[in-house]
Amino acid sequence: MTAPDHTDLVKPEVKAFFDEATFTVTFVVKDPGSPACAVVDSVLDFDYASGRTDTRSADAVIAWIRDQGLEVQWILETHVHADHLSAAPYIQERLGGKIGIGDRITVVQDTFGKIFNEGTEFQRDGSQFDKLFVEGDRFEIGALRGHVLHTPGHTPACLTYVIGDAAFVGDTLFMPDFGTARCDFPGGSAETLYASIQKILALPDETRIFVAHDYKAPGRDTYAWETTVAEEKSRNIHVGAGTTREDFVKMRTERDATLAMPRLIIPSLQVNMRAGQMPPPEDDGKTYLKVPVNGL
């Protein structure tokens, strides 16, 4: 890993927006010395029973950004989420910015393109996104410098964005008292996740970690989404205190076998693998989401 220079250690200002319906945290990451900012893991509200979308969560983020006089440079996805729809194109249309995700999105698109029988018209080359990041890529948010860690295991395309002294880890890690991400989706791997987590834990101890979801661990009354590398190393109930690879893989595999599929996985995957766009309308002018019976 390339050693950071002094500009990498600037402390970004981070504003969190928590969506309790999906337990998702959207982050606005601001350069403290300019109006430049990025949006990480946005949410498009979706009512599965009616099939209706709503933009209230994204509108709250947009309103705050406008109120603060900020300029969006990046709309970043840590991975193709399976538990909420992305609002990236909605935010981009109103505020600008480039939509970025990991380059292994092509693997995810190929896998789920087949599961949803998308046909040849669905491009599986990541072209729906403005930027496909690879390990070591650098990017800027004003004077803030960020770099990318490829941290697969939960999905093949998972990234961690390290921006200044902050790391946005997606679903790879949760708060120390909740543990780690599941690895039983197509393309997931507990062995790979363990290796990815070690990359995150190799960052400086004082690095702030921002997690994409929180579910309130047993005994905790409030939601939380910020911790540190030091806290994760010492207290994470799945990988902390020197947990071995073998013990982690055994725990993760057994635990994953007991988990139900996320409530919004069917619509989320179809939308998020398209960078937040809905599938194209059919010949009646309406958009449809498919349910592959016994497909997941």
Protein backbone atom coordinates (compact mmCIF):
# COMPACT_ATOMS: atom_id res chain seq x y z
CA MET A 1 0.00 0.00 0.00
CA THR A 2 1.32 3.45 -0.88
CA ALA A 3 2.20 5.51 2.18
CA PRO A 4 -0.01 8.60 2.45
CA ASP A 5 1.51 12.05 2.26
CA HIS A 6 0.43 14.90 4.54
CA THR A 7 -2.47 15.92 2.29
CA ASP A 8 -3.98 12.43 2.63
CA LEU A 9 -4.33 13.01 6.37
CA VAL A 10 -6.60 16.04 6.14
CA LYS A 11 -9.69 15.37 8.23
CA PRO A 12 -12.79 15.53 6.02
CA GLU A 13 -16.06 16.78 7.43
CA VAL A 14 -18.63 13.97 7.38
CA LYS A 15 -22.40 14.39 7.56
CA ALA A 16 -24.50 11.23 7.99
CA PHE A 17 -28.10 10.59 6.92
CA PHE A 18 -29.62 7.44 8.41
CA ASP A 19 -32.49 5.64 6.67
CA GLU A 20 -34.15 3.48 9.31
CA ALA A 21 -36.31 1.64 6.76
CA THR A 22 -33.20 0.01 5.27
CA PHE A 23 -30.73 0.66 8.12
CA THR A 24 -28.53 2.46 5.59
CA VAL A 25 -26.21 5.39 6.22
CA THR A 26 -25.57 7.88 3.42
CA PHE A 27 -22.52 10.06 3.94
CA VAL A 28 -21.68 13.50 2.58
CA VAL A 29 -17.90 13.90 2.70
CA LYS A 30 -16.71 17.52 2.55
CA ASP A 31 -13.34 19.10 1.97
CA PRO A 32 -12.94 21.41 5.01
CA GLY A 33 -11.20 24.03 2.88
CA SER A 34 -13.63 24.30 -0.03
CA PRO A 35 -17.25 23.63 -1.06
CA ALA A 36 -16.26 20.33 -2.70
CA CYS A 37 -17.97 17.17 -1.47
CA ALA A 38 -18.84 13.59 -2.31
CA VAL A 39 -21.93 11.50 -1.57
CA VAL A 40 -21.37 7.89 -0.49
CA ASP A 41 -24.09 5.18 -0.74
CA SER A 42 -27.30 7.11 -1.40
CA VAL A 43 -30.83 5.73 -0.95
CA LEU A 44 -33.87 5.76 -3.21
CA ASP A 45 -36.94 4.89 -1.14
CA PHE A 46 -38.97 1.96 -2.44
CA ASP A 47 -42.25 0.46 -1.26
CA TYR A 48 -42.19 -3.16 -2.38
CA ALA A 49 -45.91 -3.76 -1.82
CA SER A 50 -46.95 -0.99 -4.22
CA GLY A 51 -43.88 -0.95 -6.44
CA ARG A 52 -43.57 2.81 -5.91
CA THR A 53 -40.37 4.80 -5.50
CA ASP A 54 -39.97 7.92 -3.39
CA THR A 55 -37.14 10.45 -3.17
CA ARG A 56 -37.56 11.79 0.36
CA SER A 57 -34.25 10.33 1.60
CA ALA A 58 -32.30 11.65 -1.39
CA ASP A 59 -34.12 14.99 -1.19
CA ALA A 60 -32.96 15.44 2.41
CA VAL A 61 -29.35 14.95 1.28
CA ILE A 62 -29.81 17.31 -1.68
CA ALA A 63 -31.43 19.99 0.48
CA TRP A 64 -28.57 19.88 3.00
CA ILE A 65 -25.93 20.09 0.28
CA ARG A 66 -27.66 23.07 -1.30
CA ASP A 67 -28.16 24.76 2.06
CA GLN A 68 -24.44 24.42 2.77
CA GLY A 69 -23.52 25.74 -0.67
CA LEU A 70 -21.58 22.61 -1.56
CA GLU A 71 -20.50 21.26 -4.94
CA VAL A 72 -20.79 17.51 -5.56
CA GLN A 73 -17.77 16.08 -7.34
CA TRP A 74 -18.34 12.37 -6.73
CA ILE A 75 -21.30 10.07 -6.06
CA LEU A 76 -19.60 6.93 -4.78
CA GLU A 77 -20.97 3.42 -4.40
CA THR A 78 -19.09 1.04 -2.12
CA HIS A 79 -20.73 -1.90 -3.94
CA VAL A 80 -23.98 -3.09 -5.49
CA HIS A 81 -26.16 -3.02 -2.40
CA ALA A 82 -28.75 -5.78 -1.99
CA ASP A 83 -30.86 -4.04 0.65
CA HIS A 84 -31.70 -0.66 -0.83
CA LEU A 85 -31.96 1.08 -4.18
CA SER A 86 -29.37 3.70 -5.11
CA ALA A 87 -30.41 7.30 -5.74
CA ALA A 88 -27.17 8.10 -7.58
CA PRO A 89 -28.69 9.18 -10.93
CA TYR A 90 -31.36 11.24 -9.18
CA ILE A 91 -28.71 13.12 -7.19
CA GLN A 92 -26.45 13.46 -10.22
CA GLU A 93 -29.26 15.01 -12.28
CA ARG A 94 -29.79 17.69 -9.63
CA LEU A 95 -26.29 18.31 -8.31
CA GLY A 96 -23.79 16.90 -10.80
CA GLY A 97 -20.81 14.74 -9.92
CA LYS A 98 -19.43 11.50 -11.32
CA ILE A 99 -20.83 8.12 -10.27
CA GLY A 100 -18.09 5.68 -9.28
CA ILE A 101 -17.90 2.02 -8.27
CA GLY A 102 -15.34 -0.79 -8.35
CA ASP A 103 -14.32 -2.23 -11.70
CA ARG A 104 -15.45 -5.72 -10.64
CA ILE A 105 -18.99 -4.46 -11.16
CA THR A 106 -18.65 -6.32 -14.45
CA VAL A 107 -18.56 -9.63 -12.55
CA VAL A 108 -21.70 -8.64 -10.62
CA GLN A 109 -23.44 -7.55 -13.83
CA ASP A 110 -22.59 -10.82 -15.54
CA THR A 111 -23.79 -12.91 -12.58
CA PHE A 112 -27.08 -11.13 -12.04
CA GLY A 113 -27.65 -10.40 -15.71
CA LYS A 114 -28.00 -14.16 -16.08
CA ILE A 115 -30.12 -14.59 -12.95
CA PHE A 116 -32.57 -11.93 -14.16
CA ASN A 117 -32.36 -13.06 -17.80
CA GLU A 118 -31.50 -9.54 -18.92
CA GLY A 119 -30.59 -10.46 -22.48
CA THR A 120 -27.93 -8.96 -24.72
CA GLU A 121 -29.28 -5.41 -24.49
CA PHE A 122 -28.05 -5.18 -20.89
CA GLN A 123 -24.45 -4.02 -21.04
CA ARG A 124 -22.15 -5.93 -18.68
CA ASP A 125 -19.11 -3.68 -19.09
CA GLY A 126 -19.77 -1.17 -16.28
CA SER A 127 -20.54 1.56 -18.82
CA GLN A 128 -23.56 2.71 -16.78
CA PHE A 129 -21.07 4.26 -14.33
CA ASP A 130 -18.79 7.25 -14.94
CA LYS A 131 -15.75 5.76 -13.21
CA LEU A 132 -14.66 2.20 -12.48
CA PHE A 133 -12.09 2.19 -9.70
CA VAL A 134 -9.31 -0.35 -9.23
CA GLU A 135 -7.05 -1.02 -6.26
CA GLY A 136 -4.75 1.93 -5.65
CA ASP A 137 -6.67 4.47 -7.71
CA ARG A 138 -6.54 8.01 -6.38
CA PHE A 139 -9.17 10.71 -6.66
CA GLU A 140 -9.74 14.20 -5.30
CA ILE A 141 -12.55 16.02 -3.52
CA GLY A 142 -11.33 19.60 -3.62
CA ALA A 143 -8.02 19.48 -1.73
CA LEU A 144 -8.91 16.15 -0.15
CA ARG A 145 -7.13 13.17 -1.59
CA GLY A 146 -8.68 9.73 -1.56
CA HIS A 147 -7.50 6.31 -2.55
CA VAL A 148 -9.23 3.01 -3.18
CA LEU A 149 -8.87 -0.39 -1.56
CA HIS A 150 -10.47 -3.37 -3.29
CA THR A 151 -12.12 -5.20 -0.39
CA PRO A 152 -14.23 -8.05 -1.84
CA GLY A 153 -15.82 -10.94 0.02
CA HIS A 154 -19.31 -9.61 0.67
CA THR A 155 -19.52 -9.06 -3.09
CA PRO A 156 -16.78 -9.22 -5.77
CA ALA A 157 -16.98 -5.47 -6.40
CA CYS A 158 -16.74 -4.10 -2.86
CA LEU A 159 -14.48 -1.09 -2.34
CA THR A 160 -13.25 0.89 0.64
CA TYR A 161 -12.76 4.60 -0.03
CA VAL A 162 -10.00 6.06 2.14
CA ILE A 163 -10.43 9.84 2.18
CA GLY A 164 -8.06 11.76 4.41
CA ASP A 165 -8.26 10.15 7.85
CA ALA A 166 -11.58 8.43 7.10
CA ALA A 167 -12.40 5.05 5.53
CA PHE A 168 -15.83 4.31 4.07
CA VAL A 169 -16.00 0.52 4.23
CA GLY A 170 -19.49 -0.25 2.90
CA ASP A 171 -20.74 -3.59 4.25
CA THR A 172 -17.30 -5.13 4.76
CA LEU A 173 -17.22 -4.20 8.45
CA PHE A 174 -19.96 -3.10 10.82
CA MET A 175 -19.66 -1.54 14.25
CA PRO A 176 -17.41 -3.61 16.55
CA ASP A 177 -20.37 -4.95 18.54
CA PHE A 178 -22.14 -6.15 15.37
CA GLY A 179 -19.31 -7.71 13.41
CA THR A 180 -18.97 -8.24 9.68
CA ALA A 181 -20.88 -8.66 6.43
CA ARG A 182 -22.48 -11.85 5.15
CA CYS A 183 -20.69 -13.70 2.37
CA ASP A 184 -23.36 -16.01 0.94
CA PHE A 185 -24.48 -13.94 -2.04
CA PRO A 186 -23.31 -15.12 -5.49
CA GLY A 187 -19.61 -14.27 -5.75
CA GLY A 188 -19.19 -13.88 -2.00
CA SER A 189 -16.43 -15.57 0.00
CA ALA A 190 -15.68 -15.66 3.72
CA GLU A 191 -12.01 -16.39 3.01
CA THR A 192 -11.80 -13.37 0.72
CA LEU A 193 -13.64 -11.15 3.20
CA TYR A 194 -11.18 -12.03 5.96
CA ALA A 195 -8.26 -11.00 3.74
CA SER A 196 -10.03 -7.76 2.77
CA ILE A 197 -10.67 -6.87 6.40
CA GLN A 198 -6.97 -7.29 7.15
CA LYS A 199 -6.25 -4.61 4.53
CA ILE A 200 -8.61 -2.22 6.31
CA LEU A 201 -7.16 -3.06 9.73
CA ALA A 202 -3.67 -2.30 8.38
CA LEU A 203 -4.63 1.38 8.09
CA PRO A 204 -3.40 3.65 10.92
CA ASP A 205 -5.15 2.93 14.23
CA GLU A 206 -6.63 6.42 14.38
CA THR A 207 -8.33 6.11 10.99
CA ARG A 208 -12.03 6.79 11.33
CA ILE A 209 -14.20 4.02 9.93
CA PHE A 210 -17.68 4.78 8.61
CA VAL A 211 -19.96 1.78 8.07
CA ALA A 212 -22.78 1.66 5.53
CA HIS A 213 -25.37 0.03 7.81
CA ASP A 214 -26.23 -0.36 11.47
CA TYR A 215 -28.82 -2.59 13.08
CA LYS A 216 -28.28 -1.88 16.82
CA ALA A 217 -26.34 -4.71 18.36
CA PRO A 218 -28.00 -6.49 21.31
CA GLY A 219 -27.79 -4.27 24.37
CA ARG A 220 -27.23 -1.06 22.36
CA ASP A 221 -30.11 1.44 22.33
CA THR A 222 -28.93 3.81 19.60
CA TYR A 223 -27.76 3.51 16.01
CA ALA A 224 -24.07 4.13 15.36
CA TRP A 225 -21.88 4.24 12.26
CA GLU A 226 -18.49 5.69 13.20
CA THR A 227 -15.65 3.80 14.84
CA THR A 228 -11.86 3.50 14.36
CA VAL A 229 -9.38 0.95 13.11
CA ALA A 230 -8.08 0.52 16.67
CA GLU A 231 -11.56 -0.21 17.99
CA GLU A 232 -12.28 -2.71 15.22
CA LYS A 233 -8.98 -4.51 15.81
CA SER A 234 -9.55 -4.84 19.53
CA ARG A 235 -13.32 -5.23 19.87
CA ASN A 236 -14.94 -6.49 16.65
CA ILE A 237 -16.88 -9.57 17.73
CA HIS A 238 -16.11 -11.43 14.49
CA VAL A 239 -12.54 -10.45 13.59
CA GLY A 240 -11.12 -8.56 16.57
CA ALA A 241 -8.54 -9.59 19.16
CA GLY A 242 -6.54 -11.74 16.76
CA THR A 243 -9.33 -13.95 15.40
CA THR A 244 -7.81 -16.50 13.03
CA ARG A 245 -8.83 -16.93 9.42
CA GLU A 246 -10.05 -20.46 10.11
CA ASP A 247 -12.22 -19.41 13.06
CA PHE A 248 -13.67 -16.51 11.10
CA VAL A 249 -14.54 -18.62 8.06
CA LYS A 250 -16.21 -21.26 10.25
CA MET A 251 -18.25 -18.62 12.14
CA ARG A 252 -19.22 -16.71 9.01
CA THR A 253 -20.25 -19.80 7.06
CA GLU A 254 -22.39 -21.15 9.88
CA ARG A 255 -23.99 -17.78 10.55
CA ASP A 256 -24.75 -17.08 6.90
CA ALA A 257 -26.60 -20.38 6.62
CA THR A 258 -29.18 -19.05 9.11
CA LEU A 259 -29.84 -15.68 7.40
CA ALA A 260 -32.85 -14.84 5.25
CA MET A 261 -32.43 -12.89 2.03
CA PRO A 262 -32.69 -9.09 2.40
CA ARG A 263 -36.24 -7.81 1.91
CA LEU A 264 -35.33 -5.61 -1.08
CA ILE A 265 -32.72 -7.80 -2.74
CA ILE A 266 -34.80 -8.45 -5.91
CA PRO A 267 -35.42 -4.81 -6.87
CA SER A 268 -32.11 -3.57 -5.46
CA LEU A 269 -29.89 -5.77 -7.60
CA GLN A 270 -31.75 -5.00 -10.82
CA VAL A 271 -31.52 -1.26 -10.21
CA ASN A 272 -28.10 -0.96 -8.59
CA MET A 273 -26.24 -2.98 -11.21
CA ARG A 274 -27.50 -0.28 -13.61
CA ALA A 275 -25.99 2.53 -11.50
CA GLY A 276 -29.37 3.31 -9.97
CA GLN A 277 -31.33 3.36 -13.22
CA MET A 278 -34.54 1.38 -13.62
CA PRO A 279 -34.74 -1.34 -16.29
CA PRO A 280 -35.84 0.06 -19.67
CA PRO A 281 -39.61 0.40 -20.24
CA GLU A 282 -41.34 -2.42 -22.07
CA ASP A 283 -43.55 -2.00 -25.14
CA ASP A 284 -46.42 -0.64 -23.04
CA GLY A 285 -44.20 2.18 -21.77
CA LYS A 286 -44.05 0.80 -18.23
CA THR A 287 -41.03 -0.36 -16.26
CA TYR A 288 -41.05 -3.80 -14.65
CA LEU A 289 -38.87 -5.56 -12.11
CA LYS A 290 -38.53 -9.33 -12.42
CA VAL A 291 -38.81 -11.91 -9.63
CA PRO A 292 -36.76 -14.99 -10.54
CA VAL A 293 -38.65 -17.85 -8.87
CA ASN A 294 -36.19 -20.04 -6.96
CA GLY A 295 -33.39 -18.01 -8.53
CA LEU A 296 -31.63 -16.81 -5.39
